[in-house]
Amino acid sequence: MQAKTGHPRLANASACLASQAGWPESESASRTIRFTPLCLIALQNKRVVYDLLFRASAETLLEVARDPKHLGAEIGFFSVLHTWNQKLGLHPHVHCVVPAGGLSPDRKRWIKPRYAFFLPVKVLSRVFRGKFVAALKREERLRFQGSLTPLAQPKTFAAWLRPLFRKDWVVYSKRPFGGPEYVLQYLGRYTHRVAISNHRLISFADGKVTFRWRDSAHRNEQKLLTLSLDEFLRRFLLHLLPKRFVRIRNFGFLANRRRATSLPLCFQLLPSPSAPQARQDCSTTDGAKDLWRCPQCAGPMVIIERLTPAEIQLRSPPLPVSAAA
């Protein structure tokens, strides 16, 4: 995690209801996705369950950060809901982008984290699990259909929820890969798009869609997956959200009603960048301008976009050896 001039460092915490929490199951040989009951509850109650996911993850971060044993500060962050994985399977999770620090209770100083990992992940996981399952148990707006109809009985639903407290839930916290700018660029690509971007689509032929996906289990190797048109559309439609559902939300000192006064205070309390470093950056930039000329016509070149190593890897052509039938 690298400090940026005039800005707090960023931490990327992802509150994710992953396999241990009962979301996805493995795919069958025919590539049809099987859903566990918790996943089916989310599909039948998207607005309710995804709201709970936002609320539980935000309350967890705010509560743990406020505890003097961990940070003892008021933090601010924004959260982005994603519901997909690389294969377009259902994988609901919330990305929380958090400045690495917060305001002291008296709002007179900026408190830096005492841990290299911002907040203890095991504590976050347990608090998040407790808040989400308890909120799910109290929720009266849930509707159960089909195979889930028996869960409409309060005692049956309470008995079904009980084992979830014994499972390990996942809160994944890490430094922003590629720097804070890359985190914002990665999340920014999906503010008005759902599940898959155009550059991952390879072909549509003979009623089948082929797209590129990244296999995180094998060093982010890029592979190809081919699905029938019906299966591709079915997976894509899993990620449509209810009408007017807000999937980017702000919390803490970044909340809509507070940031006008809180943000100037944060910048005032943050240490200012050193002047020598600023002059060095400036001189380096001036010297580099002479090198930005076209090797063919010697005309000046303009930077259109800067790519991190991770972005270059994501945009590189896929390996042909892993094509799926």
Protein backbone atom coordinates (compact mmCIF):
# COMPACT_ATOMS: atom_id res chain seq x y z
CA MET A 1 0.00 0.00 0.00
CA GLN A 2 1.65 3.20 -1.13
CA ALA A 3 0.89 6.68 0.14
CA LYS A 4 -0.19 9.15 -2.51
CA THR A 5 0.51 12.86 -2.46
CA GLY A 6 -2.06 14.67 -0.38
CA HIS A 7 -4.35 11.68 -0.08
CA PRO A 8 -4.85 8.96 2.54
CA ARG A 9 -3.65 5.51 1.64
CA LEU A 10 -6.29 3.11 0.45
CA ALA A 11 -7.18 -0.31 1.71
CA ASN A 12 -9.33 -2.66 -0.33
CA ALA A 13 -11.59 -4.76 1.87
CA SER A 14 -13.99 -7.14 0.21
CA ALA A 15 -16.87 -8.49 2.28
CA CYS A 16 -17.73 -11.66 0.50
CA LEU A 17 -20.25 -14.39 1.21
CA ALA A 18 -18.02 -17.03 -0.32
CA SER A 19 -18.21 -20.81 -0.45
CA GLN A 20 -17.83 -21.30 3.30
CA ALA A 21 -20.83 -19.06 3.78
CA GLY A 22 -22.91 -21.14 1.38
CA TRP A 23 -23.07 -19.04 -1.80
CA PRO A 24 -21.69 -20.89 -4.82
CA GLU A 25 -21.25 -24.56 -5.52
CA SER A 26 -19.02 -26.13 -8.14
CA GLU A 27 -20.28 -26.41 -11.68
CA SER A 28 -21.39 -29.69 -13.13
CA ALA A 29 -19.95 -31.20 -16.30
CA SER A 30 -22.70 -29.58 -18.36
CA ARG A 31 -21.72 -26.17 -16.96
CA THR A 32 -25.07 -25.52 -15.31
CA ILE A 33 -24.68 -23.79 -11.97
CA ARG A 34 -26.20 -25.36 -8.88
CA PHE A 35 -27.26 -23.00 -6.11
CA THR A 36 -27.21 -23.56 -2.36
CA PRO A 37 -30.24 -22.43 -0.32
CA LEU A 38 -28.62 -19.16 0.80
CA CYS A 39 -27.92 -18.34 -2.83
CA LEU A 40 -31.52 -19.13 -3.75
CA ILE A 41 -32.75 -16.86 -0.96
CA ALA A 42 -30.72 -14.04 -2.49
CA LEU A 43 -32.11 -14.71 -5.97
CA GLN A 44 -35.68 -14.64 -4.63
CA ASN A 45 -35.06 -11.57 -2.44
CA LYS A 46 -32.37 -9.57 -4.22
CA ARG A 47 -33.25 -6.15 -2.83
CA VAL A 48 -33.52 -7.38 0.75
CA VAL A 49 -30.45 -9.61 0.84
CA TYR A 50 -28.15 -7.22 -1.03
CA ASP A 51 -29.26 -4.38 1.24
CA LEU A 52 -28.34 -6.56 4.22
CA LEU A 53 -24.95 -7.25 2.65
CA PHE A 54 -24.28 -3.52 2.33
CA ARG A 55 -25.50 -2.77 5.84
CA ALA A 56 -23.69 -5.64 7.60
CA SER A 57 -20.36 -4.95 5.88
CA ALA A 58 -20.55 -1.21 6.59
CA GLU A 59 -21.54 -1.65 10.24
CA THR A 60 -18.71 -4.16 10.67
CA LEU A 61 -16.03 -1.82 9.34
CA LEU A 62 -17.32 1.18 11.30
CA GLU A 63 -17.67 -0.77 14.55
CA VAL A 64 -14.28 -2.51 14.45
CA ALA A 65 -12.48 0.67 13.38
CA ARG A 66 -14.15 2.63 16.19
CA ASP A 67 -12.85 0.15 18.80
CA PRO A 68 -9.74 1.60 20.55
CA LYS A 69 -8.22 -1.89 20.60
CA HIS A 70 -7.94 -1.82 16.81
CA LEU A 71 -7.95 1.73 15.41
CA GLY A 72 -10.06 3.98 17.62
CA ALA A 73 -11.10 6.24 14.77
CA GLU A 74 -14.00 7.20 12.55
CA ILE A 75 -13.37 5.91 9.05
CA GLY A 76 -15.00 6.63 5.72
CA PHE A 77 -15.34 4.44 2.65
CA PHE A 78 -17.43 3.63 -0.37
CA SER A 79 -18.82 0.19 -1.20
CA VAL A 80 -19.56 -1.35 -4.58
CA LEU A 81 -21.76 -4.42 -5.03
CA HIS A 82 -20.62 -7.11 -7.45
CA THR A 83 -22.65 -10.29 -7.89
CA TRP A 84 -20.50 -12.23 -10.37
CA ASN A 85 -17.31 -14.20 -10.70
CA GLN A 86 -15.11 -14.53 -13.78
CA LYS A 87 -17.37 -17.23 -15.26
CA LEU A 88 -20.51 -15.14 -14.68
CA GLY A 89 -21.57 -17.39 -11.82
CA LEU A 90 -23.45 -15.91 -8.88
CA HIS A 91 -20.92 -14.64 -6.35
CA PRO A 92 -22.38 -11.68 -4.39
CA HIS A 93 -19.72 -9.57 -2.67
CA VAL A 94 -19.12 -5.97 -1.71
CA HIS A 95 -15.86 -4.15 -2.41
CA CYS A 96 -15.13 -1.54 0.26
CA VAL A 97 -12.41 0.98 -0.60
CA VAL A 98 -11.16 2.46 2.66
CA PRO A 99 -8.60 5.18 3.40
CA ALA A 100 -5.96 3.63 5.69
CA GLY A 101 -6.78 5.65 8.76
CA GLY A 102 -9.48 7.83 10.22
CA LEU A 103 -10.48 10.81 12.33
CA SER A 104 -9.88 10.73 16.07
CA PRO A 105 -13.00 10.86 18.30
CA ASP A 106 -12.35 14.56 19.00
CA ARG A 107 -11.83 15.15 15.24
CA LYS A 108 -8.53 16.93 15.90
CA ARG A 109 -6.04 14.47 14.41
CA TRP A 110 -5.67 11.75 11.80
CA ILE A 111 -5.07 8.28 13.24
CA LYS A 112 -2.94 5.84 11.25
CA PRO A 113 -3.53 2.08 11.57
CA ARG A 114 -1.30 0.22 14.02
CA TYR A 115 -1.37 -2.91 11.88
CA ALA A 116 0.19 -3.41 8.46
CA PHE A 117 -3.15 -4.94 7.39
CA PHE A 118 -5.36 -2.03 8.54
CA LEU A 119 -7.86 -4.03 10.63
CA PRO A 120 -7.65 -7.65 11.87
CA VAL A 121 -9.35 -9.85 9.30
CA LYS A 122 -10.48 -12.57 11.71
CA VAL A 123 -12.28 -10.00 13.85
CA LEU A 124 -13.92 -8.50 10.76
CA SER A 125 -15.03 -11.95 9.60
CA ARG A 126 -16.67 -12.90 12.89
CA VAL A 127 -18.40 -9.56 13.39
CA PHE A 128 -19.62 -9.58 9.79
CA ARG A 129 -20.98 -13.12 10.13
CA GLY A 130 -22.84 -12.27 13.31
CA LYS A 131 -24.38 -9.10 11.94
CA PHE A 132 -25.47 -10.60 8.64
CA VAL A 133 -27.00 -13.81 10.04
CA ALA A 134 -28.74 -11.93 12.88
CA ALA A 135 -30.18 -9.40 10.41
CA LEU A 136 -31.33 -12.22 8.14
CA LYS A 137 -33.10 -13.85 11.10
CA ARG A 138 -34.90 -10.62 11.99
CA GLU A 139 -35.85 -9.74 8.43
CA GLU A 140 -39.63 -9.89 7.86
CA ARG A 141 -39.61 -9.01 4.16
CA LEU A 142 -38.14 -12.32 2.99
CA ARG A 143 -40.32 -14.39 0.68
CA PHE A 144 -39.75 -18.10 0.06
CA GLN A 145 -40.91 -19.93 -3.04
CA GLY A 146 -40.45 -23.36 -4.59
CA SER A 147 -38.11 -25.62 -2.67
CA LEU A 148 -37.60 -22.89 -0.06
CA THR A 149 -41.27 -22.72 0.97
CA PRO A 150 -40.69 -24.62 4.28
CA LEU A 151 -38.36 -21.82 5.41
CA ALA A 152 -41.38 -19.53 5.70
CA GLN A 153 -41.98 -21.16 9.10
CA PRO A 154 -40.00 -19.10 11.69
CA LYS A 155 -38.80 -22.14 13.65
CA THR A 156 -37.68 -23.93 10.49
CA PHE A 157 -35.85 -20.84 9.26
CA ALA A 158 -34.14 -20.31 12.64
CA ALA A 159 -32.98 -23.94 12.67
CA TRP A 160 -31.67 -23.57 9.11
CA LEU A 161 -29.72 -20.41 10.04
CA ARG A 162 -28.10 -21.91 13.14
CA PRO A 163 -25.33 -23.87 11.33
CA LEU A 164 -24.22 -20.69 9.53
CA PHE A 165 -22.76 -19.43 12.80
CA ARG A 166 -20.44 -22.44 12.85
CA LYS A 167 -19.01 -21.78 9.38
CA ASP A 168 -16.08 -19.50 8.59
CA TRP A 169 -17.17 -16.47 6.64
CA VAL A 170 -14.82 -14.54 4.40
CA VAL A 171 -13.73 -10.93 4.67
CA TYR A 172 -10.81 -10.42 2.34
CA SER A 173 -8.62 -7.40 3.01
CA LYS A 174 -5.54 -6.47 1.02
CA ARG A 175 -3.48 -3.59 -0.21
CA PRO A 176 -4.69 -2.14 -3.51
CA PHE A 177 -2.99 -4.17 -6.24
CA GLY A 178 -1.30 -1.86 -8.71
CA GLY A 179 -1.79 1.17 -6.44
CA PRO A 180 -4.87 3.14 -5.37
CA GLU A 181 -5.49 4.40 -8.91
CA TYR A 182 -5.86 0.84 -10.20
CA VAL A 183 -8.47 0.00 -7.55
CA LEU A 184 -10.56 2.98 -8.62
CA GLN A 185 -10.11 2.16 -12.31
CA TYR A 186 -11.07 -1.50 -11.75
CA LEU A 187 -14.25 -0.61 -9.85
CA GLY A 188 -14.98 2.32 -12.16
CA ARG A 189 -15.25 0.01 -15.15
CA TYR A 190 -18.38 -1.54 -13.61
CA THR A 191 -20.25 1.55 -12.41
CA HIS A 192 -22.50 1.42 -15.49
CA ARG A 193 -21.81 -2.13 -16.67
CA VAL A 194 -22.82 -5.53 -15.37
CA ALA A 195 -20.84 -8.75 -15.02
CA ILE A 196 -18.70 -8.69 -18.17
CA SER A 197 -17.03 -5.99 -20.26
CA ASN A 198 -16.86 -5.98 -24.05
CA HIS A 199 -13.11 -6.61 -24.28
CA ARG A 200 -13.60 -10.07 -22.71
CA LEU A 201 -16.03 -11.19 -25.43
CA ILE A 202 -14.13 -13.18 -28.05
CA SER A 203 -16.71 -14.53 -30.50
CA PHE A 204 -20.34 -15.42 -31.17
CA ALA A 205 -20.70 -18.23 -33.68
CA ASP A 206 -22.97 -21.23 -34.22
CA GLY A 207 -25.21 -20.19 -31.36
CA LYS A 208 -22.33 -20.15 -28.85
CA VAL A 209 -20.57 -17.33 -27.01
CA THR A 210 -16.86 -17.49 -26.19
CA PHE A 211 -15.35 -15.13 -23.64
CA ARG A 212 -12.12 -14.74 -21.73
CA TRP A 213 -11.89 -15.39 -17.99
CA ARG A 214 -9.08 -15.24 -15.45
CA ASP A 215 -8.35 -18.36 -13.41
CA SER A 216 -7.24 -17.04 -10.01
CA ALA A 217 -6.54 -20.59 -8.81
CA HIS A 218 -3.78 -20.94 -11.41
CA ARG A 219 -1.79 -17.70 -11.17
CA ASN A 220 -4.47 -15.65 -12.96
CA GLU A 221 -4.01 -17.63 -16.16
CA GLN A 222 -6.30 -16.38 -18.89
CA LYS A 223 -8.56 -19.00 -20.41
CA LEU A 224 -11.49 -19.22 -22.81
CA LEU A 225 -14.97 -20.44 -21.93
CA THR A 226 -17.60 -21.29 -24.53
CA LEU A 227 -21.28 -21.41 -23.57
CA SER A 228 -24.47 -21.86 -25.50
CA LEU A 229 -26.31 -18.63 -26.10
CA ASP A 230 -29.13 -19.62 -23.72
CA GLU A 231 -26.69 -20.48 -20.92
CA PHE A 232 -24.72 -17.26 -21.45
CA LEU A 233 -27.89 -15.17 -21.27
CA ARG A 234 -29.10 -17.10 -18.23
CA ARG A 235 -25.89 -16.38 -16.36
CA PHE A 236 -25.90 -12.74 -17.41
CA LEU A 237 -29.49 -12.23 -16.25
CA LEU A 238 -28.59 -13.53 -12.78
CA HIS A 239 -26.86 -10.21 -12.17
CA LEU A 240 -29.64 -7.80 -13.09
CA LEU A 241 -30.53 -5.79 -10.02
CA PRO A 242 -33.95 -4.54 -8.89
CA LYS A 243 -35.11 -1.26 -10.40
CA ARG A 244 -33.40 1.79 -8.84
CA PHE A 245 -31.22 -0.35 -6.62
CA VAL A 246 -28.16 1.69 -5.57
CA ARG A 247 -25.04 -0.46 -5.85
CA ILE A 248 -22.44 2.18 -4.99
CA ARG A 249 -22.85 3.59 -1.47
CA ASN A 250 -20.85 5.86 0.83
CA PHE A 251 -20.38 5.45 4.57
CA GLY A 252 -18.67 7.08 7.56
CA PHE A 253 -17.11 10.46 6.90
CA LEU A 254 -17.73 9.88 3.17
CA ALA A 255 -21.50 9.60 3.67
CA ASN A 256 -23.43 11.96 1.41
CA ARG A 257 -24.63 14.19 4.25
CA ARG A 258 -21.23 14.48 5.93
CA ARG A 259 -18.49 14.56 3.35
CA ALA A 260 -18.85 18.28 2.55
CA THR A 261 -17.53 19.09 6.03
CA SER A 262 -15.54 15.92 6.80
CA LEU A 263 -13.37 15.74 3.68
CA PRO A 264 -11.79 19.22 4.06
CA LEU A 265 -11.04 18.34 7.69
CA CYS A 266 -9.38 15.07 6.64
CA PHE A 267 -7.13 16.82 4.11
CA GLN A 268 -6.26 19.45 6.70
CA LEU A 269 -5.20 16.81 9.23
CA LEU A 270 -3.29 14.61 6.78
CA PRO A 271 0.47 15.28 6.59
CA SER A 272 1.32 17.48 3.63
CA PRO A 273 3.67 16.13 0.94
CA SER A 274 7.31 17.15 1.13
CA ALA A 275 8.44 19.94 -1.16
CA PRO A 276 11.66 18.20 -2.36
CA GLN A 277 9.68 15.19 -3.56
CA ALA A 278 7.27 17.43 -5.43
CA ARG A 279 10.17 19.24 -7.15
CA GLN A 280 11.77 15.92 -8.06
CA ASP A 281 8.55 14.66 -9.63
CA CYS A 282 8.22 17.88 -11.56
CA SER A 283 11.77 17.76 -12.93
CA THR A 284 11.35 14.12 -13.92
CA THR A 285 8.16 14.94 -15.80
CA ASP A 286 9.77 17.88 -17.63
CA GLY A 287 12.70 15.73 -18.72
CA ALA A 288 10.44 12.96 -19.94
CA LYS A 289 8.49 15.28 -22.27
CA ASP A 290 11.41 15.38 -24.72
CA LEU A 291 11.13 11.59 -25.10
CA TRP A 292 7.42 11.62 -25.94
CA ARG A 293 7.86 11.99 -29.69
CA CYS A 294 6.75 9.68 -32.46
CA PRO A 295 9.68 7.66 -33.83
CA GLN A 296 8.21 7.97 -37.35
CA CYS A 297 7.26 11.64 -37.73
CA ALA A 298 8.97 13.13 -34.64
CA GLY A 299 5.69 14.77 -33.66
CA PRO A 300 4.69 15.07 -29.99
CA MET A 301 2.81 12.10 -28.51
CA VAL A 302 -0.05 12.43 -26.02
CA ILE A 303 -0.68 9.96 -23.21
CA ILE A 304 -4.13 8.45 -23.73
CA GLU A 305 -4.11 5.95 -20.88
CA ARG A 306 -1.65 4.56 -18.36
CA LEU A 307 -1.72 0.80 -17.78
CA THR A 308 -0.46 -1.01 -14.72
CA PRO A 309 1.21 -4.43 -15.12
CA ALA A 310 -1.99 -6.05 -13.86
CA GLU A 311 -4.08 -4.26 -16.51
CA ILE A 312 -1.65 -5.24 -19.27
CA GLN A 313 -2.00 -8.86 -18.18
CA LEU A 314 -5.80 -8.64 -18.19
CA ARG A 315 -5.88 -7.12 -21.68
CA SER A 316 -3.31 -9.43 -23.26
CA PRO A 317 -4.55 -12.13 -25.67
CA PRO A 318 -5.69 -15.34 -23.98
CA LEU A 319 -3.67 -18.52 -24.12
CA PRO A 320 -5.14 -20.75 -26.85
CA VAL A 321 -4.32 -24.01 -25.07
CA SER A 322 -7.20 -23.75 -22.57
CA ALA A 323 -10.15 -23.37 -24.91
CA ALA A 324 -13.31 -24.96 -23.57
CA ALA A 325 -15.70 -26.81 -25.82
